Amino acid sequence: MKKERRQPRHFDDQFRLSVLKDYYESGVSYGQISRKYDVSSGNVIAWEKKYMNKCVSLPTDIIELEKQVFMAKKARDSRPQQVMSEEEKLRDENARLRKALEYSELRNEALNEVLKIGKEKYGIDLLKKAGAKQ
């Protein structure tokens, strides 16, 4: 069974710029804007790169907001990891170990239930220790 090829669609500059303008104004993801306009998210990304140097008229408050978000992300990424105090490290390890214990207890309970079902349904007692046969 042969799959039909989809014909490539061509969009004019006005449509592309309106999609980009809506993308910047709404602040939604590439996926959301691409679903809204029925275009691929790859197209939106490519258009953004293509028109990066060209002017898409946006309100100045949106431009300032974008700059602030970008600067905040940049500052957060460039900031060195803060050294945790010994108490914080112990608290983190304690929380991690509690979660591991809870998981192990749930797993143990589930395995015991499987053994119980095996004994009831098939008559096999898997809890017996298999000793050396004589």
C-alpha atoms as a PDB file:
ATOM      1  CA  MET A   1       0.000   0.000   0.000  1.00  0.00           C
ATOM      2  CA  LYS A   2       1.579   3.193  -1.157  1.00  0.00           C
ATOM      3  CA  LYS A   3       1.308   6.282   0.984  1.00  0.00           C
ATOM      4  CA  GLU A   4       0.208   9.432  -0.807  1.00  0.00           C
ATOM      5  CA  ARG A   5       2.728  12.229  -0.775  1.00  0.00           C
ATOM      6  CA  ARG A   6       1.485  15.501   0.493  1.00  0.00           C
ATOM      7  CA  GLN A   7       1.986  18.416  -1.840  1.00  0.00           C
ATOM      8  CA  PRO A   8       4.233  21.099  -0.365  1.00  0.00           C
ATOM      9  CA  ARG A   9       2.350  24.227   0.553  1.00  0.00           C
ATOM     10  CA  HIS A  10       3.729  27.676  -0.084  1.00  0.00           C
ATOM     11  CA  PHE A  11       2.907  30.578   2.193  1.00  0.00           C
ATOM     12  CA  ASP A  12       3.247  34.237   1.338  1.00  0.00           C
ATOM     13  CA  ASP A  13       5.341  36.611   3.430  1.00  0.00           C
ATOM     14  CA  GLN A  14       2.303  38.354   4.886  1.00  0.00           C
ATOM     15  CA  PHE A  15       0.955  35.067   6.279  1.00  0.00           C
ATOM     16  CA  ARG A  16       4.356  34.080   7.664  1.00  0.00           C
ATOM     17  CA  LEU A  17       4.810  37.430   9.388  1.00  0.00           C
ATOM     18  CA  SER A  18       1.292  37.319  10.838  1.00  0.00           C
ATOM     19  CA  VAL A  19       2.003  33.845  12.278  1.00  0.00           C
ATOM     20  CA  LEU A  20       5.265  35.093  13.799  1.00  0.00           C
ATOM     21  CA  LYS A  21       3.560  38.186  15.189  1.00  0.00           C
ATOM     22  CA  ASP A  22       0.871  36.038  16.811  1.00  0.00           C
ATOM     23  CA  TYR A  23       3.579  33.698  18.147  1.00  0.00           C
ATOM     24  CA  TYR A  24       5.449  36.574  19.802  1.00  0.00           C
ATOM     25  CA  GLU A  25       2.340  38.314  21.128  1.00  0.00           C
ATOM     26  CA  SER A  26       0.697  35.215  22.574  1.00  0.00           C
ATOM     27  CA  GLY A  27       3.843  33.674  24.050  1.00  0.00           C
ATOM     28  CA  VAL A  28       2.687  30.137  23.247  1.00  0.00           C
ATOM     29  CA  SER A  29       4.933  27.289  22.099  1.00  0.00           C
ATOM     30  CA  TYR A  30       5.889  26.481  18.518  1.00  0.00           C
ATOM     31  CA  GLY A  31       3.612  23.450  18.628  1.00  0.00           C
ATOM     32  CA  GLN A  32       0.594  25.426  19.771  1.00  0.00           C
ATOM     33  CA  ILE A  33       1.023  28.139  17.156  1.00  0.00           C
ATOM     34  CA  SER A  34       1.624  25.551  14.428  1.00  0.00           C
ATOM     35  CA  ARG A  35      -1.602  23.716  15.325  1.00  0.00           C
ATOM     36  CA  LYS A  36      -3.506  26.992  15.364  1.00  0.00           C
ATOM     37  CA  TYR A  37      -2.428  27.884  11.814  1.00  0.00           C
ATOM     38  CA  ASP A  38      -2.143  24.292  10.503  1.00  0.00           C
ATOM     39  CA  VAL A  39       1.541  24.559   9.634  1.00  0.00           C
ATOM     40  CA  SER A  40       4.454  22.519  10.889  1.00  0.00           C
ATOM     41  CA  SER A  41       6.434  23.762  13.860  1.00  0.00           C
ATOM     42  CA  GLY A  42       9.531  23.400  11.679  1.00  0.00           C
ATOM     43  CA  ASN A  43       8.069  26.003   9.338  1.00  0.00           C
ATOM     44  CA  VAL A  44       7.527  28.433  12.199  1.00  0.00           C
ATOM     45  CA  ILE A  45      11.107  27.951  13.401  1.00  0.00           C
ATOM     46  CA  ALA A  46      12.472  28.387   9.879  1.00  0.00           C
ATOM     47  CA  TRP A  47      10.406  31.547   9.369  1.00  0.00           C
ATOM     48  CA  GLU A  48      11.664  32.929  12.649  1.00  0.00           C
ATOM     49  CA  LYS A  49      15.257  32.388  11.550  1.00  0.00           C
ATOM     50  CA  LYS A  50      14.563  33.831   8.095  1.00  0.00           C
ATOM     51  CA  TYR A  51      12.897  36.986   9.365  1.00  0.00           C
ATOM     52  CA  MET A  52      15.090  37.449  12.432  1.00  0.00           C
ATOM     53  CA  ASN A  53      16.860  40.453  10.928  1.00  0.00           C
ATOM     54  CA  LYS A  54      13.671  41.857   9.437  1.00  0.00           C
ATOM     55  CA  CYS A  55      11.253  43.857  11.516  1.00  0.00           C
ATOM     56  CA  VAL A  56       8.061  42.273  12.761  1.00  0.00           C
ATOM     57  CA  SER A  57       6.203  45.113  14.371  1.00  0.00           C
ATOM     58  CA  LEU A  58       5.421  44.278  17.945  1.00  0.00           C
ATOM     59  CA  PRO A  59       4.322  46.464  20.805  1.00  0.00           C
ATOM     60  CA  THR A  60       7.316  47.745  22.770  1.00  0.00           C
ATOM     61  CA  ASP A  61       6.076  46.233  26.033  1.00  0.00           C
ATOM     62  CA  ILE A  62       6.152  42.762  24.454  1.00  0.00           C
ATOM     63  CA  ILE A  63       9.661  43.361  23.160  1.00  0.00           C
ATOM     64  CA  GLU A  64      10.764  44.451  26.636  1.00  0.00           C
ATOM     65  CA  LEU A  65       9.094  41.413  28.186  1.00  0.00           C
ATOM     66  CA  GLU A  66      10.900  39.113  25.727  1.00  0.00           C
ATOM     67  CA  LYS A  67      14.213  40.786  26.593  1.00  0.00           C
ATOM     68  CA  GLN A  68      13.575  40.364  30.315  1.00  0.00           C
ATOM     69  CA  VAL A  69      12.694  36.688  29.893  1.00  0.00           C
ATOM     70  CA  PHE A  70      15.806  36.121  27.771  1.00  0.00           C
ATOM     71  CA  MET A  71      18.057  37.906  30.267  1.00  0.00           C
ATOM     72  CA  ALA A  72      16.546  35.975  33.193  1.00  0.00           C
ATOM     73  CA  LYS A  73      17.150  32.657  31.415  1.00  0.00           C
ATOM     74  CA  LYS A  74      20.687  33.693  30.535  1.00  0.00           C
ATOM     75  CA  ALA A  75      21.432  34.741  34.124  1.00  0.00           C
ATOM     76  CA  ARG A  76      19.963  31.520  35.510  1.00  0.00           C
ATOM     77  CA  ASP A  77      21.975  29.352  33.110  1.00  0.00           C
ATOM     78  CA  SER A  78      25.270  31.176  33.674  1.00  0.00           C
ATOM     79  CA  ARG A  79      24.959  31.220  37.468  1.00  0.00           C
ATOM     80  CA  PRO A  80      27.195  28.619  39.141  1.00  0.00           C
ATOM     81  CA  GLN A  81      25.537  25.919  41.164  1.00  0.00           C
ATOM     82  CA  GLN A  82      25.310  27.044  44.759  1.00  0.00           C
ATOM     83  CA  VAL A  83      27.095  24.895  47.279  1.00  0.00           C
ATOM     84  CA  MET A  84      24.633  23.075  49.473  1.00  0.00           C
ATOM     85  CA  SER A  85      25.177  23.056  53.194  1.00  0.00           C
ATOM     86  CA  GLU A  86      25.775  19.740  54.926  1.00  0.00           C
ATOM     87  CA  GLU A  87      22.281  19.862  56.428  1.00  0.00           C
ATOM     88  CA  GLU A  88      20.670  20.420  53.008  1.00  0.00           C
ATOM     89  CA  LYS A  89      22.646  17.517  51.546  1.00  0.00           C
ATOM     90  CA  LEU A  90      21.487  15.272  54.377  1.00  0.00           C
ATOM     91  CA  ARG A  91      17.871  16.371  53.926  1.00  0.00           C
ATOM     92  CA  ASP A  92      18.047  15.623  50.193  1.00  0.00           C
ATOM     93  CA  GLU A  93      19.606  12.220  50.817  1.00  0.00           C
ATOM     94  CA  ASN A  94      17.001  11.484  53.491  1.00  0.00           C
ATOM     95  CA  ALA A  95      14.157  12.358  51.091  1.00  0.00           C
ATOM     96  CA  ARG A  96      15.720  10.239  48.335  1.00  0.00           C
ATOM     97  CA  LEU A  97      16.137   7.270  50.676  1.00  0.00           C
ATOM     98  CA  ARG A  98      12.549   7.579  51.929  1.00  0.00           C
ATOM     99  CA  LYS A  99      11.285   7.441  48.335  1.00  0.00           C
ATOM    100  CA  ALA A 100      13.499   4.430  47.610  1.00  0.00           C
ATOM    101  CA  LEU A 101      12.187   2.661  50.725  1.00  0.00           C
ATOM    102  CA  GLU A 102       8.579   3.392  49.767  1.00  0.00           C
ATOM    103  CA  TYR A 103       9.214   2.022  46.269  1.00  0.00           C
ATOM    104  CA  SER A 104      10.862  -1.118  47.665  1.00  0.00           C
ATOM    105  CA  GLU A 105       7.978  -1.730  50.055  1.00  0.00           C
ATOM    106  CA  LEU A 106       5.430  -1.379  47.245  1.00  0.00           C
ATOM    107  CA  ARG A 107       7.464  -3.700  45.027  1.00  0.00           C
ATOM    108  CA  ASN A 108       7.729  -6.270  47.826  1.00  0.00           C
ATOM    109  CA  GLU A 109       3.981  -6.105  48.414  1.00  0.00           C
ATOM    110  CA  ALA A 110       3.299  -6.596  44.689  1.00  0.00           C
ATOM    111  CA  LEU A 111       5.650  -9.587  44.477  1.00  0.00           C
ATOM    112  CA  ASN A 112       4.020 -11.174  47.529  1.00  0.00           C
ATOM    113  CA  GLU A 113       0.632 -10.731  45.845  1.00  0.00           C
ATOM    114  CA  VAL A 114       1.966 -12.470  42.715  1.00  0.00           C
ATOM    115  CA  LEU A 115       3.217 -15.362  44.863  1.00  0.00           C
ATOM    116  CA  LYS A 116      -0.165 -15.576  46.597  1.00  0.00           C
ATOM    117  CA  ILE A 117      -2.014 -15.678  43.267  1.00  0.00           C
ATOM    118  CA  GLY A 118       0.395 -18.317  41.958  1.00  0.00           C
ATOM    119  CA  LYS A 119      -0.261 -20.508  44.988  1.00  0.00           C
ATOM    120  CA  GLU A 120      -4.059 -20.100  44.782  1.00  0.00           C
ATOM    121  CA  LYS A 121      -4.393 -20.510  41.024  1.00  0.00           C
ATOM    122  CA  TYR A 122      -1.689 -23.047  40.216  1.00  0.00           C
ATOM    123  CA  GLY A 123      -1.053 -24.679  43.560  1.00  0.00           C
ATOM    124  CA  ILE A 124       2.624 -23.798  43.460  1.00  0.00           C
ATOM    125  CA  ASP A 125       4.178 -22.651  46.705  1.00  0.00           C
ATOM    126  CA  LEU A 126       7.137 -20.592  45.592  1.00  0.00           C
ATOM    127  CA  LEU A 127       7.956 -19.496  49.121  1.00  0.00           C
ATOM    128  CA  LYS A 128       9.243 -22.948  49.989  1.00  0.00           C
ATOM    129  CA  LYS A 129      12.949 -23.250  50.066  1.00  0.00           C
ATOM    130  CA  ALA A 130      14.026 -25.773  47.516  1.00  0.00           C
ATOM    131  CA  GLY A 131      16.479 -28.000  49.328  1.00  0.00           C
ATOM    132  CA  ALA A 132      18.759 -30.642  47.914  1.00  0.00           C
ATOM    133  CA  LYS A 133      16.782 -33.582  46.609  1.00  0.00           C
ATOM    134  CA  GLN A 134      17.818 -36.989  47.872  1.00  0.00           C
END
